[in-house]
């Protein structure tokens, strides 16, 4: 057999091998998942006794959404749930010594392709001001409407007199909190849990531009004694809406908005002005955000950390540290 014949046979054998290999491979990476959503777990079970403020969370086998023209109920009233991929949550507060129900009718929740969770879900539990052997679900409740322990977040922070050694959980009801907040170094383990990210707004208009000749920024500068921030009693160190100086901080479901940089077409009271105006500064380790919104114009977040499941609205800077800026 000559060399040309051998080469020809080799080519055909190689081609046949490739065809057989491709046929034997069953790559399902791109295959559509046609399974029906399954409820995997729930944080409260039927008949449980819980605190007066908290949340019901259902975890499914797939990312979920609420189907159009459907309703979900808490204590018989229509409520809005928050959905984060496979987790469906409803946050409640002010339920001291009440019997509570949470109901999701069949078909109200579907996966992202519209496949419905086709079972009725009904949960009944008791909420009490104190849980025997368990204590309160939250250490403090902040509600701008007066239905909690405090009407401002800073008041709840100031009430911490002994440095916590475990999570000190503060629930923040939906509302607009026009204040600057500072958590001092001697108050670690503060956990802020908002009722919903878009419903809880901590906001103020302040910048840290130290230039009295700048007619745009100076009226709102923390260095200007006649600025709204200084008139409200904040010191020069409070050059941001929220200042975290303690370790082990955690925040969830909260919007922190510096109105100086926020645009008015998106945020009521927003000025949309240029200049360094952080929404959030954190200076210590062990820091986490989950499902939070940070809003400003320039240098929105001063940090050395990373965030999961959150996003920012900004124009010039996303975040900056003492060593670098990401734009």
C-alpha atoms as a PDB file:
ATOM      1  CA  UNK A   1       0.000   0.000   0.000  1.00  0.00           C
ATOM      2  CA  UNK A   2       1.508   3.311  -1.060  1.00  0.00           C
ATOM      3  CA  UNK A   3       1.868   6.415   1.069  1.00  0.00           C
ATOM      4  CA  UNK A   4      -1.024   8.281  -0.578  1.00  0.00           C
ATOM      5  CA  UNK A   5      -3.435   5.427   0.174  1.00  0.00           C
ATOM      6  CA  UNK A   6      -2.328   5.327   3.796  1.00  0.00           C
ATOM      7  CA  UNK A   7      -2.843   9.089   4.182  1.00  0.00           C
ATOM      8  CA  UNK A   8      -6.288   8.911   2.605  1.00  0.00           C
ATOM      9  CA  UNK A   9      -7.390   6.054   4.878  1.00  0.00           C
ATOM     10  CA  UNK A  10      -6.023   7.912   7.930  1.00  0.00           C
ATOM     11  CA  UNK A  11      -8.027  11.008   7.060  1.00  0.00           C
ATOM     12  CA  UNK A  12     -11.254   9.031   6.721  1.00  0.00           C
ATOM     13  CA  UNK A  13     -10.609   7.179   9.977  1.00  0.00           C
ATOM     14  CA  UNK A  14     -10.011  10.482  11.755  1.00  0.00           C
ATOM     15  CA  UNK A  15     -13.191  11.943  10.294  1.00  0.00           C
ATOM     16  CA  UNK A  16     -15.170   8.873  11.363  1.00  0.00           C
ATOM     17  CA  UNK A  17     -13.717   9.114  14.869  1.00  0.00           C
ATOM     18  CA  UNK A  18     -14.764  12.753  15.142  1.00  0.00           C
ATOM     19  CA  UNK A  19     -18.303  11.953  13.982  1.00  0.00           C
ATOM     20  CA  UNK A  20     -18.629   9.102  16.478  1.00  0.00           C
ATOM     21  CA  UNK A  21     -17.214  11.227  19.301  1.00  0.00           C
ATOM     22  CA  UNK A  22     -19.636  14.043  18.580  1.00  0.00           C
ATOM     23  CA  UNK A  23     -22.574  11.655  18.444  1.00  0.00           C
ATOM     24  CA  UNK A  24     -21.627  10.078  21.752  1.00  0.00           C
ATOM     25  CA  UNK A  25     -21.393  13.432  23.554  1.00  0.00           C
ATOM     26  CA  UNK A  26     -24.597  14.621  25.156  1.00  0.00           C
ATOM     27  CA  UNK A  27     -23.975  18.216  26.140  1.00  0.00           C
ATOM     28  CA  UNK A  28     -26.960  19.450  28.124  1.00  0.00           C
ATOM     29  CA  UNK A  29     -25.412  22.717  29.269  1.00  0.00           C
ATOM     30  CA  UNK A  30     -27.747  24.709  27.044  1.00  0.00           C
ATOM     31  CA  UNK A  31     -30.757  22.449  27.451  1.00  0.00           C
ATOM     32  CA  UNK A  32     -33.868  24.185  28.718  1.00  0.00           C
ATOM     33  CA  UNK A  33     -34.891  23.305  32.254  1.00  0.00           C
ATOM     34  CA  UNK A  34     -38.519  22.236  31.897  1.00  0.00           C
ATOM     35  CA  UNK A  35     -39.012  21.172  35.509  1.00  0.00           C
ATOM     36  CA  UNK A  36     -41.779  22.635  37.677  1.00  0.00           C
ATOM     37  CA  UNK A  37     -40.614  24.869  40.563  1.00  0.00           C
ATOM     38  CA  UNK A  38     -40.401  23.103  43.902  1.00  0.00           C
ATOM     39  CA  UNK A  39     -40.562  24.693  47.354  1.00  0.00           C
ATOM     40  CA  UNK A  40     -37.299  23.706  49.051  1.00  0.00           C
ATOM     41  CA  UNK A  41     -37.590  25.375  52.450  1.00  0.00           C
ATOM     42  CA  UNK A  42     -39.289  28.056  54.535  1.00  0.00           C
ATOM     43  CA  UNK A  43     -37.929  29.946  57.521  1.00  0.00           C
ATOM     44  CA  UNK A  44     -41.205  29.845  59.503  1.00  0.00           C
ATOM     45  CA  UNK A  45     -43.250  26.700  59.863  1.00  0.00           C
ATOM     46  CA  UNK A  46     -46.959  26.321  60.546  1.00  0.00           C
ATOM     47  CA  UNK A  47     -47.698  26.955  64.209  1.00  0.00           C
ATOM     48  CA  UNK A  48     -44.372  28.636  65.011  1.00  0.00           C
ATOM     49  CA  UNK A  49     -44.131  31.465  67.534  1.00  0.00           C
ATOM     50  CA  UNK A  50     -41.971  34.358  66.329  1.00  0.00           C
ATOM     51  CA  UNK A  51     -41.246  37.972  67.194  1.00  0.00           C
ATOM     52  CA  UNK A  52     -43.482  40.917  66.243  1.00  0.00           C
ATOM     53  CA  UNK A  53     -41.209  41.946  63.376  1.00  0.00           C
ATOM     54  CA  UNK A  54     -39.456  39.707  60.895  1.00  0.00           C
ATOM     55  CA  UNK A  55     -40.075  38.074  57.564  1.00  0.00           C
ATOM     56  CA  UNK A  56     -41.485  34.999  55.876  1.00  0.00           C
ATOM     57  CA  UNK A  57     -39.022  33.597  53.342  1.00  0.00           C
ATOM     58  CA  UNK A  58     -39.695  30.790  50.884  1.00  0.00           C
ATOM     59  CA  UNK A  59     -36.825  29.197  48.987  1.00  0.00           C
ATOM     60  CA  UNK A  60     -37.585  27.474  45.693  1.00  0.00           C
ATOM     61  CA  UNK A  61     -35.608  25.220  43.392  1.00  0.00           C
ATOM     62  CA  UNK A  62     -35.445  27.913  40.698  1.00  0.00           C
ATOM     63  CA  UNK A  63     -35.399  31.678  40.269  1.00  0.00           C
ATOM     64  CA  UNK A  64     -38.953  32.917  40.678  1.00  0.00           C
ATOM     65  CA  UNK A  65     -41.193  35.859  39.876  1.00  0.00           C
ATOM     66  CA  UNK A  66     -44.792  36.825  40.619  1.00  0.00           C
ATOM     67  CA  UNK A  67     -47.186  36.138  37.782  1.00  0.00           C
ATOM     68  CA  UNK A  68     -49.112  39.103  36.319  1.00  0.00           C
ATOM     69  CA  UNK A  69     -52.579  39.805  37.724  1.00  0.00           C
ATOM     70  CA  UNK A  70     -52.041  37.613  40.796  1.00  0.00           C
ATOM     71  CA  UNK A  71     -52.151  38.447  44.484  1.00  0.00           C
ATOM     72  CA  UNK A  72     -50.330  37.273  47.613  1.00  0.00           C
ATOM     73  CA  UNK A  73     -51.856  37.807  51.061  1.00  0.00           C
ATOM     74  CA  UNK A  74     -50.725  38.532  54.609  1.00  0.00           C
ATOM     75  CA  UNK A  75     -53.475  38.459  57.228  1.00  0.00           C
ATOM     76  CA  UNK A  76     -56.011  38.534  54.410  1.00  0.00           C
ATOM     77  CA  UNK A  77     -54.681  41.712  52.818  1.00  0.00           C
ATOM     78  CA  UNK A  78     -52.870  41.964  49.492  1.00  0.00           C
ATOM     79  CA  UNK A  79     -49.132  42.507  49.978  1.00  0.00           C
ATOM     80  CA  UNK A  80     -46.069  42.984  47.830  1.00  0.00           C
ATOM     81  CA  UNK A  81     -43.263  40.463  48.212  1.00  0.00           C
ATOM     82  CA  UNK A  82     -39.596  40.914  47.360  1.00  0.00           C
ATOM     83  CA  UNK A  83     -38.042  38.262  45.145  1.00  0.00           C
ATOM     84  CA  UNK A  84     -34.308  37.630  44.959  1.00  0.00           C
ATOM     85  CA  UNK A  85     -33.680  34.805  42.526  1.00  0.00           C
ATOM     86  CA  UNK A  86     -35.015  31.679  44.248  1.00  0.00           C
ATOM     87  CA  UNK A  87     -35.965  33.461  47.505  1.00  0.00           C
ATOM     88  CA  UNK A  88     -39.413  35.000  47.998  1.00  0.00           C
ATOM     89  CA  UNK A  89     -39.753  37.197  51.085  1.00  0.00           C
ATOM     90  CA  UNK A  90     -42.418  39.216  52.848  1.00  0.00           C
ATOM     91  CA  UNK A  91     -41.304  41.455  55.724  1.00  0.00           C
ATOM     92  CA  UNK A  92     -43.741  42.294  58.525  1.00  0.00           C
ATOM     93  CA  UNK A  93     -43.613  44.505  61.602  1.00  0.00           C
ATOM     94  CA  UNK A  94     -45.806  45.655  64.483  1.00  0.00           C
ATOM     95  CA  UNK A  95     -47.475  42.249  64.909  1.00  0.00           C
ATOM     96  CA  UNK A  96     -47.277  42.136  68.716  1.00  0.00           C
ATOM     97  CA  UNK A  97     -49.376  39.263  70.092  1.00  0.00           C
ATOM     98  CA  UNK A  98     -51.213  38.546  66.860  1.00  0.00           C
ATOM     99  CA  UNK A  99     -52.137  35.448  64.892  1.00  0.00           C
ATOM    100  CA  UNK A 100     -50.689  35.825  61.403  1.00  0.00           C
ATOM    101  CA  UNK A 101     -51.314  34.142  58.069  1.00  0.00           C
ATOM    102  CA  UNK A 102     -49.371  34.201  54.821  1.00  0.00           C
ATOM    103  CA  UNK A 103     -50.966  32.839  51.654  1.00  0.00           C
ATOM    104  CA  UNK A 104     -49.646  32.263  48.147  1.00  0.00           C
ATOM    105  CA  UNK A 105     -52.362  30.892  45.837  1.00  0.00           C
ATOM    106  CA  UNK A 106     -51.378  28.274  43.282  1.00  0.00           C
ATOM    107  CA  UNK A 107     -50.014  29.911  40.149  1.00  0.00           C
ATOM    108  CA  UNK A 108     -49.130  33.235  41.817  1.00  0.00           C
ATOM    109  CA  UNK A 109     -45.436  32.381  41.576  1.00  0.00           C
ATOM    110  CA  UNK A 110     -43.710  31.080  38.454  1.00  0.00           C
ATOM    111  CA  UNK A 111     -40.187  30.458  37.277  1.00  0.00           C
ATOM    112  CA  UNK A 112     -38.641  32.811  34.718  1.00  0.00           C
ATOM    113  CA  UNK A 113     -40.152  30.781  31.859  1.00  0.00           C
ATOM    114  CA  UNK A 114     -43.665  31.034  33.303  1.00  0.00           C
ATOM    115  CA  UNK A 115     -43.896  27.530  34.793  1.00  0.00           C
ATOM    116  CA  UNK A 116     -46.092  27.888  37.844  1.00  0.00           C
ATOM    117  CA  UNK A 117     -45.666  26.622  41.361  1.00  0.00           C
ATOM    118  CA  UNK A 118     -49.033  24.910  41.230  1.00  0.00           C
ATOM    119  CA  UNK A 119     -49.749  24.324  44.913  1.00  0.00           C
ATOM    120  CA  UNK A 120     -51.563  26.577  47.372  1.00  0.00           C
ATOM    121  CA  UNK A 121     -49.224  27.727  50.132  1.00  0.00           C
ATOM    122  CA  UNK A 122     -50.791  28.691  53.458  1.00  0.00           C
ATOM    123  CA  UNK A 123     -48.893  29.450  56.651  1.00  0.00           C
ATOM    124  CA  UNK A 124     -50.275  30.269  60.079  1.00  0.00           C
ATOM    125  CA  UNK A 125     -48.065  31.435  62.956  1.00  0.00           C
ATOM    126  CA  UNK A 126     -48.158  33.542  66.114  1.00  0.00           C
ATOM    127  CA  UNK A 127     -46.223  36.758  66.610  1.00  0.00           C
ATOM    128  CA  UNK A 128     -45.435  37.795  70.180  1.00  0.00           C
ATOM    129  CA  UNK A 129     -43.486  40.672  71.681  1.00  0.00           C
ATOM    130  CA  UNK A 130     -41.193  38.181  73.421  1.00  0.00           C
ATOM    131  CA  UNK A 131     -40.455  34.587  72.433  1.00  0.00           C
ATOM    132  CA  UNK A 132     -40.054  32.261  75.391  1.00  0.00           C
ATOM    133  CA  UNK A 133     -36.412  31.248  75.543  1.00  0.00           C
ATOM    134  CA  UNK A 134     -35.594  33.081  72.334  1.00  0.00           C
ATOM    135  CA  UNK A 135     -35.920  36.804  73.025  1.00  0.00           C
ATOM    136  CA  UNK A 136     -36.810  39.387  70.410  1.00  0.00           C
ATOM    137  CA  UNK A 137     -36.291  38.870  66.706  1.00  0.00           C
ATOM    138  CA  UNK A 138     -34.987  42.463  66.454  1.00  0.00           C
ATOM    139  CA  UNK A 139     -33.256  44.498  69.099  1.00  0.00           C
ATOM    140  CA  UNK A 140     -34.843  47.717  67.856  1.00  0.00           C
ATOM    141  CA  UNK A 141     -37.474  48.788  65.350  1.00  0.00           C
ATOM    142  CA  UNK A 142     -37.232  52.086  63.476  1.00  0.00           C
ATOM    143  CA  UNK A 143     -40.371  53.473  61.859  1.00  0.00           C
ATOM    144  CA  UNK A 144     -40.638  57.046  60.591  1.00  0.00           C
ATOM    145  CA  UNK A 145     -44.403  56.871  61.117  1.00  0.00           C
ATOM    146  CA  UNK A 146     -44.030  56.254  64.851  1.00  0.00           C
ATOM    147  CA  UNK A 147     -44.987  52.582  64.986  1.00  0.00           C
ATOM    148  CA  UNK A 148     -41.610  51.348  66.246  1.00  0.00           C
ATOM    149  CA  UNK A 149     -39.168  52.004  69.058  1.00  0.00           C
ATOM    150  CA  UNK A 150     -37.592  54.986  67.272  1.00  0.00           C
ATOM    151  CA  UNK A 151     -38.499  57.324  64.427  1.00  0.00           C
ATOM    152  CA  UNK A 152     -34.896  57.873  63.266  1.00  0.00           C
ATOM    153  CA  UNK A 153     -32.100  55.410  62.657  1.00  0.00           C
ATOM    154  CA  UNK A 154     -29.545  57.528  64.496  1.00  0.00           C
ATOM    155  CA  UNK A 155     -31.695  57.429  67.639  1.00  0.00           C
ATOM    156  CA  UNK A 156     -31.647  53.633  67.513  1.00  0.00           C
ATOM    157  CA  UNK A 157     -27.865  53.667  67.060  1.00  0.00           C
ATOM    158  CA  UNK A 158     -27.390  56.111  69.927  1.00  0.00           C
ATOM    159  CA  UNK A 159     -29.387  53.824  72.210  1.00  0.00           C
ATOM    160  CA  UNK A 160     -26.669  51.158  71.994  1.00  0.00           C
ATOM    161  CA  UNK A 161     -24.798  51.812  75.236  1.00  0.00           C
ATOM    162  CA  UNK A 162     -22.764  48.596  75.538  1.00  0.00           C
ATOM    163  CA  UNK A 163     -20.582  47.441  72.621  1.00  0.00           C
ATOM    164  CA  UNK A 164     -22.377  44.398  71.125  1.00  0.00           C
ATOM    165  CA  UNK A 165     -20.494  41.116  70.853  1.00  0.00           C
ATOM    166  CA  UNK A 166     -23.073  39.530  68.539  1.00  0.00           C
ATOM    167  CA  UNK A 167     -25.416  40.906  65.862  1.00  0.00           C
ATOM    168  CA  UNK A 168     -27.505  43.820  67.105  1.00  0.00           C
ATOM    169  CA  UNK A 169     -30.406  43.710  64.670  1.00  0.00           C
ATOM    170  CA  UNK A 170     -32.302  46.882  63.813  1.00  0.00           C
ATOM    171  CA  UNK A 171     -35.391  46.576  61.636  1.00  0.00           C
ATOM    172  CA  UNK A 172     -36.187  49.642  59.507  1.00  0.00           C
ATOM    173  CA  UNK A 173     -39.763  49.974  58.270  1.00  0.00           C
ATOM    174  CA  UNK A 174     -40.471  51.464  54.868  1.00  0.00           C
ATOM    175  CA  UNK A 175     -40.181  55.230  54.957  1.00  0.00           C
ATOM    176  CA  UNK A 176     -37.958  58.175  54.084  1.00  0.00           C
ATOM    177  CA  UNK A 177     -35.346  59.009  56.713  1.00  0.00           C
ATOM    178  CA  UNK A 178     -33.893  62.451  56.082  1.00  0.00           C
ATOM    179  CA  UNK A 179     -30.792  62.152  58.220  1.00  0.00           C
ATOM    180  CA  UNK A 180     -27.090  61.430  58.237  1.00  0.00           C
ATOM    181  CA  UNK A 181     -26.149  58.328  60.193  1.00  0.00           C
ATOM    182  CA  UNK A 182     -22.923  57.551  62.044  1.00  0.00           C
ATOM    183  CA  UNK A 183     -22.010  54.233  63.673  1.00  0.00           C
ATOM    184  CA  UNK A 184     -19.036  54.829  65.942  1.00  0.00           C
ATOM    185  CA  UNK A 185     -16.109  52.485  66.415  1.00  0.00           C
ATOM    186  CA  UNK A 186     -17.417  51.239  69.782  1.00  0.00           C
ATOM    187  CA  UNK A 187     -20.605  49.850  68.202  1.00  0.00           C
ATOM    188  CA  UNK A 188     -19.651  46.733  66.219  1.00  0.00           C
ATOM    189  CA  UNK A 189     -22.052  44.053  64.982  1.00  0.00           C
ATOM    190  CA  UNK A 190     -24.796  46.477  63.948  1.00  0.00           C
ATOM    191  CA  UNK A 191     -27.089  44.799  61.421  1.00  0.00           C
ATOM    192  CA  UNK A 192     -29.601  46.990  59.588  1.00  0.00           C
ATOM    193  CA  UNK A 193     -32.516  45.092  58.021  1.00  0.00           C
ATOM    194  CA  UNK A 194     -34.822  47.160  55.841  1.00  0.00           C
ATOM    195  CA  UNK A 195     -38.384  46.214  55.020  1.00  0.00           C
ATOM    196  CA  UNK A 196     -37.651  46.673  51.307  1.00  0.00           C
ATOM    197  CA  UNK A 197     -34.791  48.207  49.348  1.00  0.00           C
ATOM    198  CA  UNK A 198     -36.897  50.713  47.428  1.00  0.00           C
ATOM    199  CA  UNK A 199     -39.089  51.473  50.449  1.00  0.00           C
ATOM    200  CA  UNK A 200     -36.352  52.315  52.981  1.00  0.00           C
ATOM    201  CA  UNK A 201     -34.555  55.533  52.001  1.00  0.00           C
ATOM    202  CA  UNK A 202     -31.820  57.046  54.147  1.00  0.00           C
ATOM    203  CA  UNK A 203     -31.003  60.353  52.474  1.00  0.00           C
ATOM    204  CA  UNK A 204     -29.476  63.802  52.858  1.00  0.00           C
ATOM    205  CA  UNK A 205     -27.774  66.444  50.684  1.00  0.00           C
ATOM    206  CA  UNK A 206     -24.124  66.928  51.651  1.00  0.00           C
ATOM    207  CA  UNK A 207     -20.740  67.120  49.936  1.00  0.00           C
ATOM    208  CA  UNK A 208     -17.131  67.395  51.106  1.00  0.00           C
ATOM    209  CA  UNK A 209     -15.875  70.028  48.658  1.00  0.00           C
ATOM    210  CA  UNK A 210     -13.803  72.507  50.704  1.00  0.00           C
ATOM    211  CA  UNK A 211     -13.956  75.471  48.339  1.00  0.00           C
ATOM    212  CA  UNK A 212     -15.927  78.500  49.491  1.00  0.00           C
ATOM    213  CA  UNK A 213     -15.534  80.119  46.058  1.00  0.00           C
ATOM    214  CA  UNK A 214     -17.521  77.330  44.381  1.00  0.00           C
ATOM    215  CA  UNK A 215     -21.063  78.681  44.210  1.00  0.00           C
ATOM    216  CA  UNK A 216     -22.457  75.267  43.238  1.00  0.00           C
ATOM    217  CA  UNK A 217     -20.991  73.020  45.910  1.00  0.00           C
ATOM    218  CA  UNK A 218     -20.319  75.374  48.833  1.00  0.00           C
ATOM    219  CA  UNK A 219     -23.970  75.814  49.957  1.00  0.00           C
ATOM    220  CA  UNK A 220     -24.088  72.050  50.722  1.00  0.00           C
ATOM    221  CA  UNK A 221     -20.486  71.555  51.865  1.00  0.00           C
ATOM    222  CA  UNK A 222     -19.926  69.935  55.250  1.00  0.00           C
ATOM    223  CA  UNK A 223     -17.228  72.588  55.775  1.00  0.00           C
ATOM    224  CA  UNK A 224     -19.761  75.387  55.394  1.00  0.00           C
ATOM    225  CA  UNK A 225     -21.250  76.244  58.789  1.00  0.00           C
ATOM    226  CA  UNK A 226     -24.411  77.466  57.064  1.00  0.00           C
ATOM    227  CA  UNK A 227     -24.990  74.269  55.066  1.00  0.00           C
ATOM    228  CA  UNK A 228     -28.029  72.086  55.827  1.00  0.00           C
ATOM    229  CA  UNK A 229     -25.757  69.396  57.292  1.00  0.00           C
ATOM    230  CA  UNK A 230     -24.024  71.740  59.723  1.00  0.00           C
ATOM    231  CA  UNK A 231     -27.296  73.419  60.688  1.00  0.00           C
ATOM    232  CA  UNK A 232     -28.649  69.956  61.466  1.00  0.00           C
ATOM    233  CA  UNK A 233     -25.797  69.514  63.945  1.00  0.00           C
ATOM    234  CA  UNK A 234     -23.466  67.277  61.960  1.00  0.00           C
ATOM    235  CA  UNK A 235     -19.712  67.762  62.367  1.00  0.00           C
ATOM    236  CA  UNK A 236     -17.107  68.023  59.610  1.00  0.00           C
ATOM    237  CA  UNK A 237     -16.362  64.306  60.061  1.00  0.00           C
ATOM    238  CA  UNK A 238     -19.886  63.477  58.881  1.00  0.00           C
ATOM    239  CA  UNK A 239     -19.033  64.118  55.232  1.00  0.00           C
ATOM    240  CA  UNK A 240     -21.345  61.393  53.936  1.00  0.00           C
ATOM    241  CA  UNK A 241     -24.916  60.204  54.391  1.00  0.00           C
ATOM    242  CA  UNK A 242     -23.912  57.026  56.248  1.00  0.00           C
ATOM    243  CA  UNK A 243     -20.570  56.697  58.033  1.00  0.00           C
ATOM    244  CA  UNK A 244     -19.539  53.274  59.369  1.00  0.00           C
ATOM    245  CA  UNK A 245     -16.562  53.309  61.743  1.00  0.00           C
ATOM    246  CA  UNK A 246     -17.206  49.941  63.410  1.00  0.00           C
ATOM    247  CA  UNK A 247     -16.403  46.368  62.418  1.00  0.00           C
ATOM    248  CA  UNK A 248     -18.863  43.573  61.633  1.00  0.00           C
ATOM    249  CA  UNK A 249     -21.452  45.789  59.957  1.00  0.00           C
ATOM    250  CA  UNK A 250     -24.232  44.366  57.792  1.00  0.00           C
ATOM    251  CA  UNK A 251     -27.058  46.057  55.845  1.00  0.00           C
ATOM    252  CA  UNK A 252     -29.875  44.562  53.788  1.00  0.00           C
ATOM    253  CA  UNK A 253     -32.779  46.018  51.782  1.00  0.00           C
ATOM    254  CA  UNK A 254     -31.792  49.682  52.157  1.00  0.00           C
ATOM    255  CA  UNK A 255     -31.314  52.649  49.812  1.00  0.00           C
ATOM    256  CA  UNK A 256     -28.682  55.213  50.841  1.00  0.00           C
ATOM    257  CA  UNK A 257     -29.068  58.368  48.771  1.00  0.00           C
ATOM    258  CA  UNK A 258     -26.939  61.491  48.733  1.00  0.00           C
ATOM    259  CA  UNK A 259     -29.460  63.980  47.377  1.00  0.00           C
ATOM    260  CA  UNK A 260     -26.682  66.376  46.423  1.00  0.00           C
ATOM    261  CA  UNK A 261     -25.674  64.075  43.567  1.00  0.00           C
ATOM    262  CA  UNK A 262     -28.956  62.231  42.942  1.00  0.00           C
ATOM    263  CA  UNK A 263     -31.007  63.269  39.924  1.00  0.00           C
ATOM    264  CA  UNK A 264     -34.469  64.694  40.616  1.00  0.00           C
ATOM    265  CA  UNK A 265     -36.115  62.645  37.871  1.00  0.00           C
ATOM    266  CA  UNK A 266     -35.223  59.499  39.817  1.00  0.00           C
ATOM    267  CA  UNK A 267     -35.172  60.652  43.423  1.00  0.00           C
ATOM    268  CA  UNK A 268     -37.456  63.235  45.000  1.00  0.00           C
ATOM    269  CA  UNK A 269     -35.373  66.126  46.266  1.00  0.00           C
ATOM    270  CA  UNK A 270     -32.343  65.171  44.207  1.00  0.00           C
ATOM    271  CA  UNK A 271     -30.130  68.099  43.148  1.00  0.00           C
ATOM    272  CA  UNK A 272     -27.993  66.325  40.524  1.00  0.00           C
ATOM    273  CA  UNK A 273     -24.939  68.459  41.281  1.00  0.00           C
ATOM    274  CA  UNK A 274     -21.285  67.681  40.576  1.00  0.00           C
ATOM    275  CA  UNK A 275     -18.651  67.308  43.281  1.00  0.00           C
ATOM    276  CA  UNK A 276     -17.368  64.703  45.709  1.00  0.00           C
ATOM    277  CA  UNK A 277     -20.411  63.590  47.683  1.00  0.00           C
ATOM    278  CA  UNK A 278     -20.317  60.081  49.114  1.00  0.00           C
ATOM    279  CA  UNK A 279     -23.459  58.214  50.035  1.00  0.00           C
ATOM    280  CA  UNK A 280     -21.568  55.679  52.157  1.00  0.00           C
ATOM    281  CA  UNK A 281     -18.165  55.497  53.855  1.00  0.00           C
ATOM    282  CA  UNK A 282     -16.954  52.459  55.785  1.00  0.00           C
ATOM    283  CA  UNK A 283     -13.564  52.413  57.476  1.00  0.00           C
ATOM    284  CA  UNK A 284     -13.310  48.998  59.152  1.00  0.00           C
ATOM    285  CA  UNK A 285     -13.194  45.282  58.346  1.00  0.00           C
ATOM    286  CA  UNK A 286     -15.902  42.633  58.150  1.00  0.00           C
ATOM    287  CA  UNK A 287     -18.465  44.658  56.265  1.00  0.00           C
ATOM    288  CA  UNK A 288     -21.283  43.383  54.050  1.00  0.00           C
ATOM    289  CA  UNK A 289     -24.166  44.730  51.982  1.00  0.00           C
ATOM    290  CA  UNK A 290     -26.994  42.694  50.485  1.00  0.00           C
ATOM    291  CA  UNK A 291     -29.625  44.077  48.105  1.00  0.00           C
ATOM    292  CA  UNK A 292     -28.756  47.715  48.827  1.00  0.00           C
ATOM    293  CA  UNK A 293     -28.862  50.761  46.547  1.00  0.00           C
ATOM    294  CA  UNK A 294     -26.233  53.514  46.811  1.00  0.00           C
ATOM    295  CA  UNK A 295     -26.906  56.769  44.969  1.00  0.00           C
ATOM    296  CA  UNK A 296     -24.835  59.910  44.372  1.00  0.00           C
ATOM    297  CA  UNK A 297     -22.958  61.717  41.600  1.00  0.00           C
ATOM    298  CA  UNK A 298     -19.243  61.336  42.306  1.00  0.00           C
ATOM    299  CA  UNK A 299     -17.334  58.896  44.560  1.00  0.00           C
ATOM    300  CA  UNK A 300     -20.534  57.285  45.777  1.00  0.00           C
ATOM    301  CA  UNK A 301     -18.956  54.688  48.062  1.00  0.00           C
ATOM    302  CA  UNK A 302     -15.657  54.944  49.961  1.00  0.00           C
ATOM    303  CA  UNK A 303     -14.571  51.418  50.837  1.00  0.00           C
ATOM    304  CA  UNK A 304     -12.115  48.560  50.502  1.00  0.00           C
ATOM    305  CA  UNK A 305     -14.750  45.849  50.210  1.00  0.00           C
ATOM    306  CA  UNK A 306     -16.992  44.218  47.660  1.00  0.00           C
ATOM    307  CA  UNK A 307     -20.765  43.804  47.516  1.00  0.00           C
ATOM    308  CA  UNK A 308     -23.059  41.010  46.374  1.00  0.00           C
ATOM    309  CA  UNK A 309     -26.524  41.445  44.908  1.00  0.00           C
ATOM    310  CA  UNK A 310     -26.459  45.221  44.980  1.00  0.00           C
ATOM    311  CA  UNK A 311     -25.973  48.082  42.574  1.00  0.00           C
ATOM    312  CA  UNK A 312     -25.121  51.754  42.409  1.00  0.00           C
ATOM    313  CA  UNK A 313     -26.363  54.821  40.592  1.00  0.00           C
ATOM    314  CA  UNK A 314     -23.563  57.231  39.813  1.00  0.00           C
ATOM    315  CA  UNK A 315     -22.135  59.505  37.133  1.00  0.00           C
ATOM    316  CA  UNK A 316     -18.391  59.831  37.657  1.00  0.00           C
ATOM    317  CA  UNK A 317     -17.239  57.330  40.251  1.00  0.00           C
ATOM    318  CA  UNK A 318     -18.478  53.977  41.459  1.00  0.00           C
ATOM    319  CA  UNK A 319     -16.355  53.745  44.564  1.00  0.00           C
ATOM    320  CA  UNK A 320     -12.964  54.860  45.749  1.00  0.00           C
ATOM    321  CA  UNK A 321     -10.469  54.035  48.470  1.00  0.00           C
ATOM    322  CA  UNK A 322      -7.391  55.706  49.813  1.00  0.00           C
ATOM    323  CA  UNK A 323      -5.296  53.991  47.148  1.00  0.00           C
ATOM    324  CA  UNK A 324      -7.307  53.874  43.932  1.00  0.00           C
ATOM    325  CA  UNK A 325     -10.400  55.008  42.123  1.00  0.00           C
ATOM    326  CA  UNK A 326     -12.554  52.957  39.770  1.00  0.00           C
ATOM    327  CA  UNK A 327     -14.424  55.041  37.228  1.00  0.00           C
END
